[in-house]
Structures are given as C-alpha cells and as structure tokens.
Protein backbone atom coordinates (compact mmCIF):
# COMPACT_ATOMS: atom_id res chain seq x y z
CA MET A 1 9.24 -7.46 -52.42
CA THR A 2 12.81 -6.91 -53.56
CA SER A 3 15.60 -9.44 -53.33
CA ALA A 4 19.34 -9.53 -53.80
CA PRO A 5 20.22 -13.12 -54.75
CA GLY A 6 23.80 -12.16 -55.67
CA ARG A 7 24.82 -11.71 -52.05
CA PRO A 8 25.87 -14.81 -50.06
CA PRO A 9 23.12 -15.88 -47.61
CA ALA A 10 25.28 -15.22 -44.54
CA ARG A 11 26.08 -11.73 -45.78
CA ARG A 12 22.40 -11.04 -46.44
CA VAL A 13 21.58 -12.01 -42.86
CA LEU A 14 24.23 -9.68 -41.44
CA ASP A 15 23.12 -6.86 -43.74
CA ALA A 16 19.54 -7.34 -42.55
CA VAL A 17 20.67 -7.17 -38.91
CA ASP A 18 22.54 -3.96 -39.69
CA ARG A 19 19.47 -2.38 -41.31
CA LEU A 20 17.29 -3.41 -38.38
CA MET A 21 19.64 -1.90 -35.82
CA GLN A 22 19.84 1.46 -37.57
CA HIS A 23 16.38 2.58 -36.41
CA LEU A 24 15.56 0.03 -33.73
CA GLY A 25 13.29 1.64 -31.16
CA ASP A 26 11.72 4.03 -33.65
CA THR A 27 10.60 1.80 -36.53
CA GLY A 28 7.02 1.66 -35.34
CA THR A 29 3.96 -0.15 -36.65
CA CYS A 30 2.17 -0.14 -39.96
CA SER A 31 -0.82 2.15 -40.44
CA ASP A 32 -4.19 0.66 -39.49
CA SER A 33 -7.80 1.48 -40.27
CA TYR A 34 -8.99 2.16 -36.74
CA ASN A 35 -6.48 4.82 -35.75
CA THR A 36 -6.38 6.33 -39.23
CA ALA A 37 -10.14 6.83 -39.04
CA PHE A 38 -9.76 8.89 -35.86
CA LEU A 39 -6.91 10.90 -37.38
CA ALA A 40 -9.11 11.65 -40.40
CA ARG A 41 -11.70 13.30 -38.11
CA VAL A 42 -9.34 16.05 -36.92
CA ARG A 43 -10.27 19.39 -38.50
CA SER A 44 -8.45 22.62 -39.10
CA PRO A 45 -9.99 25.91 -37.90
CA GLY A 46 -11.84 26.41 -41.21
CA GLY A 47 -13.54 23.03 -40.93
CA SER A 48 -11.57 21.10 -43.52
CA PRO A 49 -9.71 17.92 -42.56
CA ARG A 50 -6.33 18.68 -41.06
CA TYR A 51 -4.97 15.38 -42.36
CA PRO A 52 -6.62 14.75 -45.75
CA ARG A 53 -4.09 12.03 -46.54
CA ALA A 54 -5.75 10.00 -43.75
CA LEU A 55 -9.05 10.27 -45.59
CA ASP A 56 -7.35 9.18 -48.78
CA TRP A 57 -5.86 6.22 -46.90
CA LEU A 58 -9.39 5.15 -45.95
CA ARG A 59 -10.53 5.57 -49.55
CA THR A 60 -7.92 3.18 -50.88
CA ARG A 61 -8.10 0.59 -48.07
CA GLN A 62 -11.81 -0.30 -48.09
CA HIS A 63 -12.27 -4.01 -48.80
CA PRO A 64 -14.59 -5.17 -51.61
CA ASP A 65 -17.24 -6.22 -49.08
CA GLY A 66 -17.38 -2.65 -47.70
CA SER A 67 -15.34 -3.30 -44.56
CA TRP A 68 -12.07 -1.91 -43.30
CA GLY A 69 -9.41 -3.74 -41.30
CA GLY A 70 -6.39 -5.97 -41.74
CA ARG A 71 -5.75 -8.31 -44.64
CA ILE A 72 -6.57 -11.31 -42.47
CA ASP A 73 -10.36 -11.43 -42.13
CA LEU A 74 -10.79 -11.36 -38.36
CA PRO A 75 -14.49 -10.49 -37.80
CA ALA A 76 -13.93 -8.49 -34.61
CA ASP A 77 -11.17 -6.44 -36.25
CA ARG A 78 -13.29 -5.79 -39.33
CA LEU A 79 -16.21 -4.73 -37.12
CA MET A 80 -14.24 -2.24 -35.00
CA SER A 81 -12.30 -0.85 -37.94
CA THR A 82 -15.43 -0.43 -40.05
CA LEU A 83 -17.32 1.27 -37.23
CA ALA A 84 -14.43 3.73 -36.85
CA ALA A 85 -14.12 4.38 -40.60
CA VAL A 86 -17.87 4.84 -41.10
CA ARG A 87 -17.92 7.20 -38.10
CA ALA A 88 -15.15 9.26 -39.72
CA LEU A 89 -16.94 9.46 -43.07
CA ALA A 90 -20.16 10.42 -41.29
CA ASP A 91 -18.37 13.58 -40.14
CA TYR A 92 -18.06 14.68 -43.77
CA THR A 93 -21.11 13.27 -45.53
CA ASP A 94 -24.66 12.22 -44.68
CA TYR A 95 -25.73 8.61 -45.09
CA ASN A 96 -28.16 9.74 -47.80
CA GLY A 97 -25.48 11.56 -49.77
CA GLY A 98 -25.38 15.13 -48.48
CA THR A 99 -21.77 16.24 -48.17
CA HIS A 100 -20.14 18.54 -45.63
CA TYR A 101 -16.75 18.52 -47.35
CA THR A 102 -15.78 19.35 -50.93
CA GLY A 103 -12.15 18.29 -50.86
CA GLY A 104 -10.63 21.68 -50.10
CA THR A 105 -8.13 22.29 -47.33
CA ASP A 106 -7.03 25.17 -45.18
CA HIS A 107 -4.01 23.27 -43.90
CA ALA A 108 -0.58 22.80 -45.45
CA GLU A 109 -1.18 19.10 -46.09
CA THR A 110 -2.99 18.49 -49.37
CA ALA A 111 -5.26 15.62 -50.29
CA PRO A 112 -3.93 13.59 -53.22
CA SER A 113 -7.38 12.26 -54.10
CA GLY A 114 -9.02 15.57 -54.93
CA PRO A 115 -12.83 15.92 -54.56
CA SER A 116 -14.65 13.88 -51.97
CA GLY A 117 -17.47 12.44 -54.03
CA TRP A 118 -16.30 8.94 -53.12
CA MET A 119 -17.31 9.38 -49.49
CA ALA A 120 -21.06 8.81 -49.84
CA GLY A 121 -20.54 5.57 -51.70
CA ALA A 122 -17.89 4.35 -49.29
CA LEU A 123 -20.12 5.26 -46.35
CA GLN A 124 -23.07 3.33 -47.77
CA ARG A 125 -20.93 0.27 -48.52
CA GLY A 126 -19.56 0.41 -44.99
CA VAL A 127 -23.04 0.62 -43.48
CA ARG A 128 -24.19 -2.34 -45.57
CA TYR A 129 -21.27 -4.32 -44.18
CA LEU A 130 -22.17 -3.32 -40.60
CA ARG A 131 -25.81 -4.32 -41.08
CA SER A 132 -24.69 -7.66 -42.46
CA ALA A 133 -22.26 -8.12 -39.56
CA ALA A 134 -25.06 -7.34 -37.09
CA ALA A 135 -27.19 -10.06 -38.67
CA ARG A 136 -24.35 -12.56 -38.21
CA GLY A 137 -24.22 -11.87 -34.49
CA PHE A 138 -21.46 -10.94 -32.07
CA PRO A 139 -17.98 -11.81 -33.39
CA GLY A 140 -16.80 -13.91 -30.49
CA GLY A 141 -13.70 -16.06 -30.38
CA PRO A 142 -10.25 -16.13 -28.81
CA HIS A 143 -9.01 -12.97 -30.55
CA GLU A 144 -10.67 -9.74 -29.39
CA PRO A 145 -9.19 -6.34 -30.25
CA ILE A 146 -8.41 -4.11 -27.29
CA GLY A 147 -11.44 -2.10 -26.19
CA LEU A 148 -13.99 -4.21 -28.07
CA GLU A 149 -16.45 -3.94 -25.19
CA PHE A 150 -16.24 -0.11 -25.29
CA VAL A 151 -15.70 0.63 -28.97
CA VAL A 152 -18.59 -1.35 -30.43
CA PRO A 153 -21.43 0.06 -28.28
CA GLU A 154 -20.09 3.64 -28.24
CA LEU A 155 -19.46 3.98 -31.97
CA THR A 156 -22.76 2.25 -32.69
CA ARG A 157 -24.48 4.81 -30.47
CA GLN A 158 -22.73 7.71 -32.20
CA LEU A 159 -23.63 6.45 -35.67
CA ARG A 160 -27.29 6.01 -34.77
CA ALA A 161 -27.30 9.57 -33.41
CA ARG A 162 -26.08 10.70 -36.85
CA GLY A 163 -28.91 8.94 -38.62
CA VAL A 164 -26.99 5.87 -39.76
CA PRO A 165 -29.54 3.02 -39.91
CA LEU A 166 -28.01 0.28 -37.78
CA PRO A 167 -30.24 -2.49 -36.35
CA PRO A 168 -31.65 -1.60 -32.92
CA ARG A 169 -30.50 -4.86 -31.28
CA ALA A 170 -27.13 -5.23 -32.98
CA TRP A 171 -24.40 -7.21 -31.22
CA PRO A 172 -26.26 -8.51 -28.16
CA GLY A 173 -23.98 -9.56 -25.37
CA ILE A 174 -21.56 -6.66 -25.72
CA ASP A 175 -23.06 -4.86 -22.71
CA ALA A 176 -22.29 -7.80 -20.43
CA LEU A 177 -18.64 -7.73 -21.52
CA ARG A 178 -18.56 -3.98 -20.97
CA GLN A 179 -19.92 -4.25 -17.43
CA GLU A 180 -17.45 -7.02 -16.61
CA LYS A 181 -14.57 -4.91 -17.86
CA LEU A 182 -15.73 -1.83 -15.93
CA ALA A 183 -15.90 -3.91 -12.74
CA ARG A 184 -12.37 -5.23 -13.26
CA MET A 185 -11.05 -1.75 -13.98
CA ALA A 186 -12.72 -0.32 -10.87
CA ALA A 187 -11.31 -3.06 -8.68
CA SER A 188 -7.75 -2.81 -9.97
CA ALA A 189 -7.24 0.90 -10.67
CA PRO A 190 -10.27 3.07 -9.96
CA GLY A 191 -10.94 6.05 -12.20
CA PRO A 192 -9.12 7.26 -15.28
CA GLY A 193 -5.79 5.88 -14.07
CA SER A 194 -6.76 2.45 -15.39
CA PRO A 195 -4.52 1.44 -18.32
CA SER A 196 -7.62 0.45 -20.30
CA ALA A 197 -9.29 3.81 -19.71
CA ARG A 198 -6.22 5.66 -20.96
CA TYR A 199 -5.63 3.52 -24.00
CA CYS A 200 -9.30 3.60 -25.04
CA MET A 201 -10.07 7.16 -24.00
CA GLU A 202 -11.81 7.85 -27.33
CA VAL A 203 -14.69 5.61 -26.19
CA ALA A 204 -14.24 5.46 -22.41
CA PRO A 205 -17.29 6.36 -20.29
CA PRO A 206 -17.40 10.17 -19.83
CA ALA A 207 -17.90 9.85 -16.07
CA MET A 208 -14.63 7.98 -15.82
CA LEU A 209 -12.71 10.74 -17.57
CA ALA A 210 -14.43 13.86 -16.30
CA GLY A 211 -11.90 16.50 -15.31
CA ALA A 212 -8.94 14.17 -15.71
CA THR A 213 -8.15 14.10 -19.43
CA THR A 214 -5.06 16.30 -19.46
CA ALA A 215 -3.69 14.56 -16.36
CA LEU A 216 -3.49 11.39 -18.46
CA GLN A 217 -1.34 13.03 -21.12
CA SER A 218 2.25 11.87 -21.56
CA PRO A 219 5.19 14.30 -21.85
CA GLY A 220 5.16 13.69 -25.61
CA GLY A 221 1.54 14.78 -25.91
CA SER A 222 -0.21 11.45 -26.39
CA VAL A 223 -2.66 9.54 -24.23
CA GLY A 224 -1.47 5.96 -23.81
CA CYS A 225 0.65 6.30 -26.96
CA SER A 226 -2.63 5.85 -28.85
CA PRO A 227 -3.42 8.12 -31.82
CA ALA A 228 -7.17 7.51 -31.42
CA ALA A 229 -7.13 8.35 -27.70
CA THR A 230 -5.02 11.44 -28.39
CA VAL A 231 -7.52 12.65 -31.00
CA ALA A 232 -10.19 12.40 -28.30
CA LEU A 233 -8.04 14.45 -25.92
CA TRP A 234 -7.53 17.15 -28.54
CA GLN A 235 -11.22 17.26 -29.41
CA SER A 236 -12.23 17.65 -25.77
CA THR A 237 -9.50 20.04 -24.59
CA GLY A 238 -7.80 21.60 -27.63
CA SER A 239 -4.44 20.57 -26.16
CA ALA A 240 -1.59 22.02 -28.23
CA ARG A 241 0.69 19.16 -27.18
CA ALA A 242 -1.86 16.61 -28.37
CA LEU A 243 -2.11 18.34 -31.74
CA ALA A 244 1.67 18.51 -32.02
CA TYR A 245 1.83 14.74 -31.40
CA LEU A 246 -0.75 14.13 -34.15
CA ASP A 247 1.02 16.50 -36.54
CA GLU A 248 4.25 14.57 -36.01
CA LEU A 249 2.52 11.25 -36.66
CA SER A 250 1.15 12.61 -39.93
CA ARG A 251 4.53 14.03 -40.93
CA ARG A 252 6.36 10.75 -40.39
CA SER A 253 3.67 8.60 -42.03
CA ALA A 254 4.79 7.22 -45.39
CA ASP A 255 1.23 6.49 -46.53
CA GLY A 256 -0.91 9.04 -44.66
CA GLY A 257 -2.26 6.53 -42.16
CA ALA A 258 -1.85 6.36 -38.39
CA PRO A 259 -0.19 3.55 -36.40
CA GLU A 260 -1.72 1.45 -33.66
CA VAL A 261 0.70 2.83 -31.11
CA HIS A 262 3.54 5.34 -30.97
CA PRO A 263 6.05 5.31 -29.45
CA MET A 264 6.68 1.72 -28.35
CA GLU A 265 10.45 1.75 -28.02
CA ALA A 266 10.77 -0.77 -25.16
CA PHE A 267 8.52 -3.35 -26.80
CA GLU A 268 10.24 -2.98 -30.17
CA ILE A 269 13.74 -3.18 -28.70
CA GLY A 270 12.92 -6.04 -26.33
CA TRP A 271 11.20 -8.41 -28.75
CA SER A 272 13.60 -7.67 -31.62
CA LEU A 273 16.76 -8.22 -29.58
CA TYR A 274 15.26 -11.33 -28.04
CA HIS A 275 14.73 -12.88 -31.50
CA LEU A 276 18.26 -11.98 -32.58
CA GLY A 277 19.65 -13.31 -29.31
CA ARG A 278 17.98 -16.69 -29.79
CA ALA A 279 19.80 -16.98 -33.13
CA GLY A 280 23.15 -15.76 -31.78
CA LEU A 281 22.96 -12.66 -33.95
CA LEU A 282 23.12 -9.86 -31.38
CA PRO A 283 25.64 -7.28 -32.60
CA SER A 284 27.93 -5.48 -30.17
CA ARG A 285 25.98 -2.25 -30.52
CA ALA A 286 22.90 -3.99 -29.13
CA ARG A 287 24.26 -3.17 -25.65
CA THR A 288 23.22 0.46 -26.09
CA ARG A 289 19.65 -0.58 -26.87
CA LEU A 290 19.67 -3.05 -23.99
CA GLY A 291 20.68 -0.20 -21.75
CA VAL A 292 17.38 1.53 -22.52
CA LEU A 293 15.49 -1.41 -21.05
CA THR A 294 17.77 -2.24 -18.14
CA GLY A 295 17.87 1.42 -17.16
CA GLU A 296 14.08 1.40 -16.83
CA LEU A 297 14.21 -1.81 -14.79
CA ASP A 298 16.86 -0.37 -12.47
CA ARG A 299 14.98 2.89 -11.98
CA ARG A 300 11.37 1.70 -11.63
CA GLY A 301 11.47 -2.02 -10.91
CA TRP A 302 9.34 -2.61 -13.99
CA VAL A 303 9.39 -1.79 -17.70
CA ALA A 304 6.41 -0.55 -19.74
CA PHE A 305 6.18 -0.92 -23.52
CA SER A 306 7.08 2.79 -23.71
CA ARG A 307 8.31 5.44 -21.31
CA GLU A 308 5.43 7.54 -22.63
CA PHE A 309 2.92 5.12 -21.06
CA PRO A 310 4.44 4.40 -17.62
CA VAL A 311 2.11 1.70 -16.35
CA PRO A 312 3.54 -1.42 -14.64
CA GLU A 313 3.03 -4.49 -16.80
CA ALA A 314 4.39 -8.01 -16.63
CA ASP A 315 5.21 -8.68 -20.27
CA THR A 316 7.90 -6.11 -21.05
CA THR A 317 9.30 -6.47 -17.54
CA ALA A 318 9.72 -10.22 -17.97
CA MET A 319 11.17 -9.76 -21.44
CA THR A 320 13.77 -7.34 -20.04
CA ILE A 321 14.69 -9.83 -17.32
CA ASN A 322 15.11 -12.52 -19.98
CA LEU A 323 17.48 -10.20 -21.85
CA LEU A 324 19.67 -9.39 -18.82
CA PRO A 325 22.19 -12.20 -19.54
CA HIS A 326 22.88 -10.57 -22.93
CA ALA A 327 23.81 -7.44 -20.99
CA GLY A 328 26.20 -9.45 -18.82
CA ARG A 329 23.88 -9.41 -15.80
CA ASP A 330 22.36 -12.16 -13.67
CA ALA A 331 18.58 -12.30 -14.07
CA ALA A 332 17.87 -14.16 -10.81
CA PRO A 333 17.99 -11.16 -8.42
CA TRP A 334 15.24 -9.45 -10.40
CA LEU A 335 12.70 -12.26 -10.45
CA GLY A 336 10.97 -11.16 -7.28
CA LEU A 337 9.70 -8.10 -9.17
CA LEU A 338 7.38 -10.38 -11.13
CA LEU A 339 5.47 -11.59 -8.08
CA ARG A 340 3.30 -8.46 -8.10
CA TYR A 341 1.56 -9.88 -11.19
CA GLU A 342 0.62 -13.22 -9.61
CA GLU A 343 -2.96 -14.26 -8.99
CA GLY A 344 -5.09 -17.41 -8.86
CA ASP A 345 -3.88 -19.96 -11.37
CA HIS A 346 -1.84 -17.59 -13.59
CA PHE A 347 -0.08 -14.21 -13.81
CA PHE A 348 -1.78 -11.12 -15.23
CA HIS A 349 -0.29 -8.81 -17.82
CA TYR A 350 -1.65 -5.52 -16.46
CA PRO A 351 -4.18 -4.59 -13.75
CA GLY A 352 -7.82 -5.11 -14.71
CA GLU A 353 -7.29 -7.19 -17.84
CA ARG A 354 -10.06 -9.48 -19.02
CA GLY A 355 -8.66 -12.86 -20.02
CA ALA A 356 -5.15 -14.15 -19.33
CA SER A 357 -2.44 -14.10 -21.99
CA VAL A 358 -0.68 -17.35 -22.87
CA SER A 359 2.42 -15.60 -24.23
CA VAL A 360 2.79 -13.41 -21.13
CA ASN A 361 2.62 -16.43 -18.83
CA ALA A 362 5.12 -18.24 -21.03
CA ARG A 363 7.47 -15.27 -20.82
CA LEU A 364 7.26 -15.28 -17.02
CA LEU A 365 7.93 -19.01 -16.85
CA GLU A 366 10.99 -18.51 -19.04
CA ALA A 367 12.16 -15.84 -16.61
CA PHE A 368 11.57 -17.95 -13.48
CA ASN A 369 13.41 -20.84 -15.15
CA ARG A 370 16.54 -18.69 -14.87
CA SER A 371 16.56 -19.55 -11.17
CA PRO A 372 16.18 -23.36 -11.16
CA GLY A 373 16.49 -23.54 -7.41
CA GLY A 374 13.90 -20.88 -6.64
CA TYR A 375 10.29 -19.91 -7.25
CA ALA A 376 9.13 -23.53 -7.47
CA PRO A 377 5.45 -22.69 -6.67
CA GLN A 378 5.39 -20.05 -9.39
CA ARG A 379 7.00 -22.36 -11.95
CA ARG A 380 4.48 -25.11 -11.12
CA LYS A 381 1.61 -22.65 -11.45
CA LEU A 382 2.80 -21.35 -14.80
CA THR A 383 3.56 -24.81 -16.15
CA GLY A 384 0.09 -25.96 -15.10
CA PHE A 385 -1.57 -22.95 -16.71
CA LEU A 386 0.29 -23.47 -20.00
CA SER A 387 -0.38 -27.20 -20.00
CA GLY A 388 -4.07 -26.53 -19.39
CA THR A 389 -4.37 -24.05 -22.26
CA ARG A 390 -2.75 -26.29 -24.90
CA THR A 391 -5.14 -27.52 -27.60
CA GLU A 392 -5.63 -31.19 -28.35
CA ASP A 393 -3.37 -30.86 -31.39
CA GLY A 394 -0.54 -29.51 -29.26
CA TYR A 395 -0.55 -25.80 -30.08
CA TRP A 396 -1.54 -22.62 -28.21
CA LEU A 397 -3.53 -19.45 -28.94
CA ASP A 398 -2.91 -16.00 -27.47
CA LYS A 399 -4.91 -12.83 -26.99
CA TRP A 400 -2.23 -10.53 -28.46
CA HIS A 401 -1.61 -12.35 -31.74
CA VAL A 402 -3.95 -14.14 -34.15
CA SER A 403 -1.43 -16.81 -35.17
CA PRO A 404 -1.06 -20.01 -33.13
CA TYR A 405 2.60 -20.09 -34.21
CA TYR A 406 3.40 -16.97 -32.15
CA ALA A 407 1.91 -18.37 -28.95
CA THR A 408 3.31 -21.85 -29.60
CA ALA A 409 6.80 -20.47 -30.15
CA HIS A 410 6.85 -18.53 -26.89
CA VAL A 411 5.45 -21.44 -24.90
CA SER A 412 8.06 -23.69 -26.52
CA PHE A 413 10.81 -21.30 -25.45
CA ALA A 414 9.63 -21.62 -21.84
CA LEU A 415 8.63 -25.27 -21.58
CA SER A 416 11.67 -26.57 -23.43
CA ARG A 417 13.78 -25.18 -20.56
CA SER A 418 11.48 -26.65 -17.91
CA ALA A 419 12.03 -30.22 -16.76
CA SER A 420 8.36 -30.67 -15.88
CA GLY A 421 7.04 -29.12 -19.09
CA ALA A 422 9.32 -30.44 -21.80
CA SER A 423 7.94 -33.98 -21.59
CA GLY A 424 4.61 -32.88 -23.09
CA LEU A 425 6.00 -31.18 -26.20
CA ALA A 426 6.08 -34.17 -28.55
CA ALA A 427 2.56 -33.36 -29.81
CA THR A 428 3.62 -29.76 -30.37
CA HIS A 429 6.59 -30.95 -32.42
CA ARG A 430 4.35 -33.20 -34.54
CA TRP A 431 1.91 -30.35 -35.15
CA LEU A 432 4.66 -27.93 -36.15
CA VAL A 433 6.32 -30.33 -38.58
CA GLY A 434 3.00 -31.55 -39.97
CA SER A 435 1.46 -28.11 -40.61
CA GLN A 436 4.19 -26.81 -42.93
CA HIS A 437 2.90 -25.95 -46.42
CA ALA A 438 4.41 -27.38 -49.60
CA ASP A 439 6.31 -24.15 -50.31
CA GLY A 440 8.06 -24.27 -46.93
CA SER A 441 5.83 -21.74 -45.21
CA TRP A 442 3.45 -21.97 -42.28
CA GLY A 443 0.30 -20.02 -41.51
CA THR A 444 -2.82 -18.39 -42.88
CA GLY A 445 -3.61 -17.40 -46.43
CA GLY A 446 -1.30 -20.06 -47.82
CA GLY A 447 1.53 -19.05 -45.53
CA GLN A 448 3.00 -15.91 -43.95
CA PRO A 449 6.67 -15.04 -43.38
CA GLU A 450 6.05 -14.01 -39.78
CA GLU A 451 4.26 -17.24 -38.91
CA THR A 452 6.93 -19.25 -40.69
CA ALA A 453 9.60 -17.52 -38.63
CA TYR A 454 7.86 -18.45 -35.37
CA ALA A 455 7.48 -22.06 -36.48
CA VAL A 456 11.23 -22.26 -37.14
CA LEU A 457 12.06 -20.58 -33.83
CA ALA A 458 9.75 -22.98 -31.99
CA LEU A 459 11.28 -26.03 -33.67
CA ASP A 460 14.77 -24.75 -32.88
CA ALA A 461 13.78 -24.48 -29.20
CA LEU A 462 12.30 -27.98 -29.20
CA ALA A 463 15.54 -29.36 -30.66
CA GLY A 464 17.11 -28.48 -27.32
CA CYS A 465 14.97 -31.09 -25.55
CA GLY A 466 15.46 -33.94 -27.99
CA LEU A 467 12.89 -33.09 -30.67
CA PRO A 468 15.05 -32.26 -33.71
CA LEU A 469 14.25 -29.90 -36.55
CA PRO A 470 14.11 -32.19 -39.60
CA PRO A 471 16.64 -31.09 -42.25
CA ARG A 472 14.08 -31.14 -45.07
CA THR A 473 11.68 -29.03 -42.99
CA ALA A 474 14.46 -26.53 -42.27
CA ALA A 475 15.63 -26.40 -45.88
CA ALA A 476 12.13 -25.69 -47.22
CA ALA A 477 11.58 -22.97 -44.61
CA HIS A 478 14.95 -21.42 -45.44
CA ARG A 479 14.13 -21.24 -49.16
CA TYR A 480 10.77 -19.63 -48.42
CA LEU A 481 12.03 -17.12 -45.86
CA THR A 482 15.30 -15.91 -47.40
CA PRO A 483 13.69 -13.49 -49.92
CA PHE A 484 11.90 -11.78 -47.02
CA LEU A 485 15.22 -10.54 -45.63
CA ASP A 486 14.74 -7.68 -48.09
CA ALA A 487 10.98 -7.32 -47.64
CA ALA A 488 9.15 -4.02 -47.31
CA PRO A 489 6.83 -3.47 -44.31
CA ARG A 490 3.73 -4.00 -46.49
CA ASP A 491 4.93 -7.54 -47.29
CA PHE A 492 3.95 -8.60 -43.77
CA ALA A 493 0.27 -9.20 -43.02
CA GLU A 494 -1.17 -7.63 -39.88
CA LEU A 495 -1.29 -10.38 -37.23
CA TRP A 496 -0.91 -8.51 -33.91
CA LEU A 497 -3.95 -7.40 -31.93
CA GLY A 498 -4.32 -3.87 -30.64
CA LYS A 499 -7.50 -1.94 -31.23
CA SER A 500 -7.13 -3.32 -34.72
CA LEU A 501 -4.76 -5.74 -36.42
CA PHE A 502 -1.30 -4.26 -36.96
CA THR A 503 2.31 -5.14 -37.72
CA PRO A 504 5.22 -4.11 -35.44
CA VAL A 505 7.65 -3.98 -38.33
CA ALA A 506 11.02 -4.37 -36.59
CA VAL A 507 9.77 -7.20 -34.38
CA VAL A 508 8.57 -9.15 -37.41
CA GLN A 509 11.76 -8.43 -39.36
CA SER A 510 13.88 -9.64 -36.44
CA ALA A 511 11.93 -12.92 -36.25
CA VAL A 512 12.44 -13.49 -39.98
CA ILE A 513 16.17 -12.73 -39.74
CA ALA A 514 16.59 -15.13 -36.81
CA ALA A 515 14.64 -17.89 -38.54
CA VAL A 516 16.59 -17.58 -41.79
CA HIS A 517 19.80 -17.96 -39.81
CA LEU A 518 18.55 -20.89 -37.71
CA SER A 519 17.19 -22.79 -40.73
CA ARG A 520 20.37 -22.42 -42.80
CA PRO A 521 21.97 -25.60 -44.15
CA ARG A 522 24.29 -27.17 -41.60
CA ARG A 523 27.37 -29.18 -42.37
CA ASP A 524 27.08 -32.75 -41.13
CA PRO A 525 30.02 -33.39 -38.75
CA ALA A 526 29.85 -37.10 -39.57
CA ALA A 527 30.64 -36.35 -43.21
CA GLY A 528 34.17 -35.28 -42.33
CA GLY A 529 36.35 -33.04 -44.48
C-alpha cells in the first residue's frame, strides 16, 4: 500500500474522489478463484489453454492447505472455489500424475510460468483438501455463495467421473437444498429464464437449459454477466460472441484472473455514489453517472445491477430511488415500483431466491421512509423483519456480505430515519463502539479497511438519532483508514459473496473515502475562536 503523507488530509480525500470518478462504472471486481478456474478450462483449437495466465493465477493462489478461495477462510467459499480449481486442473492432468498439457500454447497469450509440472501436485493437494472438507461435513452457516446447491453436487459428480477419489457420501444435505431451490425457481420463473439458472448456467440442470442457451446471451456476449456461465455457453455452442467476451476479460485482466461479474455498472455506480453522498462528497460530475441509473428507472420501472443482465430486482432499484434526491428528483412517486417485491413478512431481492437479504430489506425501508405519510404497512413490515433478524448483541448479518458491519451499517441507515426503529439502536451503538480494535480498525483478521469504513458510516448514521460517535473512536478510525485512501485493489480482502468471495473495488474505495471524511477531526464550536 502506498501513501502520500505530504498532502493535507482534505486534499487527499478530494484526490481520492477524483480518482474514483475517473472510471466509475467500469472499475469491476478483483479476480477470484471460481471464475478463473472456468476461464482456465477454455482451449484453443490445438488443445492448449487459450488463457494460460488463468492457469498461472491458479498456481500462485493455492492456499497452503491445498484450497483455493478468498483470504478470509469461509468454508463454503473454499469448497466451491477448490472444486472449480481441481476440476480445471483435471482437464490438463490425471489425478495420478499423467499430464495432458506440456505448457505450450497455440494462442497469442503466453504462460509466464512455463512447463506445467506443478499441476499434478496442485491437483493432489486440492483433492486432499476436498476429502478433508467432506469429512468435516456440509459447510452450513449464514453465508452461502451463490449456486452452492448446484455447484457442489455437479462439480463433485464431474470429478468422480474423471477418476478423482472423492468420498461417495460427501456433503449430505446438499440435495435437499438443491430440490428446494429448483422448486422456488420453477414457481417464480419457470425454465431457463430464472435469474439463478442464467447466473449459474455452468452447473444448471441440462433439462432446464436445453435449446435455450443462446437465448440467454446478453448483447455483450455474456450469460448473466458471469464469466463461468459464459464459458459454459461457449463450450456448448461455440458462440463467437461468448468467446469475444472472454477474450476481452482476459485482455483487461491485470493478473490473468477472471472477475466474479462483468459488467456491473449500475451496482458499482449506485453503491459508490451512495457512500459519497452520505459523506457530502458527491462531485458535480456525479450527475452524469446518476443519469445512467435514473434513465434505467424511467425506461423500465426497475434497475438491474447491469444492463447486460436485465432482470427485475429490488436492491438496485431501491438504491436508485434512494439516490434520486441527489439528482434533484422526488423519490416518493417511484416507491410504488417496489411493491412488486413484497411477500409474507419481508421483501425479496429477485424471484425465486432462497433466504431473505437483510441489506435489501433495509434498503427498501430507507426508500419507503422517504414518504413518511405513505406506505405505513410496508414500513411496519420491514421494521419488524429487521428487528426480528437483529442478534442479541445488536448487530445484523447478510447473505451478500460476510461482515456484520456491512449489514449493520445499512440497517442503521434505514432504522435511524424511522421513528419506530430508532429506539432499538442503543445496543447496536454499544456493539459498534465496543468492537473497535486497538489500532482503530474493526473486523476480521485483526481489522479490515472495508469493515472499518462501514462501522464509521453506521456510527455516523446513529449520531443522527442521538447516539453520538465518540471523538476518540472517530480519531482512531481516522488514523487507521487514512492510508487506505491510496490503497491498491489487492489491499482489500474479499468480503462480498457471489459464487465466491470477491471485492467490488470502487464500492469499497468509496466507503473508505466517505469514512475518512466523516471521521475527520471536528472543531468544537464551544471552544470559540
């Protein structure tokens, strides 16, 4: 991580905003093991890997215990990522050491690692990890990667078919989750039109996708903006547009790996501008980026995380509505659009999802709070859902992010503006203040800049309902966070949940920028002068 201590703190914040805005909407996510493993399986006509840098990425990212996955040891992420990486290596070498690849290439991209003798050893270490994981049982818990119920059984089946010795009764219980998910998908969006079927096409049931694969392709060539799903499309159809999409991903990759999702312009713009807006840091040129989102809302009545994956979903739609005041527009007339996502005791994110998202429901409550005189039943429902999902210690967990500070921040944004919800936030305030580390950080592994940023943002929101951010807490956070204004993408651990753990770089950078600004030393008005 680089730093520039010679610049005044305020100038460093503005410089960071300027850098963020330069590529906002096209910054993307870090490379991850799961999607890189699928990219590594694509072959050129002569049989050599088309993207040998992806294989080299896998070589250098295997953990000492034989697994692949994010730096935070989330068992479900490590399981899915390792299954995908072992499956990729099994395309090039046998479990017992026979190789099908000698390191040559008949494509313009060259492999920096040279010969492929490492593959047999990496494959065996990966299999040992999988056998050990199978003995530990199914990796349950509140944080499941997308497609867990499809990826685990399908890749396990494929590896067994290739002679990889996995236990015959590994991961019991996964079939029940799979059947539940299939039933939800069939009820909400029958056939391959289901968002889950598109996004996880690489392991979706063949019967669901028969004859419909190219119909699911976006104008840019991808399926669901997912590299792994697009690899599956290319392997089954030979689509030139799919291959062009994958070639472009490889060309733009700084490290040879593949991202969790691309593009994701609406999500990146929405969350980043929201963080800056909370800190009063939105520059004038943000209006152009806001126009991307509001234009989608005006045209469709909903906003997806990318125009390349046009599926109605509550989260980005609600975020866009929450940003409308920054565009000089009243949010209230648009709130009725959110009623299509209402059910039972909560709101769903997208049709057929398994398990409700805390952060999505918080985002909708924040939106409905923009019309204090309307939508009382919906606000009561959302407040009740969020109150019921709070832990005894006063924090929340979410399905899209492994950190409780992310979920707690977004719930705090909503409940602090709600008369009926704000009264219960004292425990949340105590937990936030009490869980700060000695160095000023919050979070896992001794502290993470992203988690620290959310803690500061949450405390700033709670200050608005009479629960102040203690000056010493703010000062320690400010000292910890300020160097990360100049951080590189790899300085941020992967905390977001897709099909593996990943980092949406601009979103994280925007949260850090906002938190540095909000935690800055304030002049005491009572001191005079």
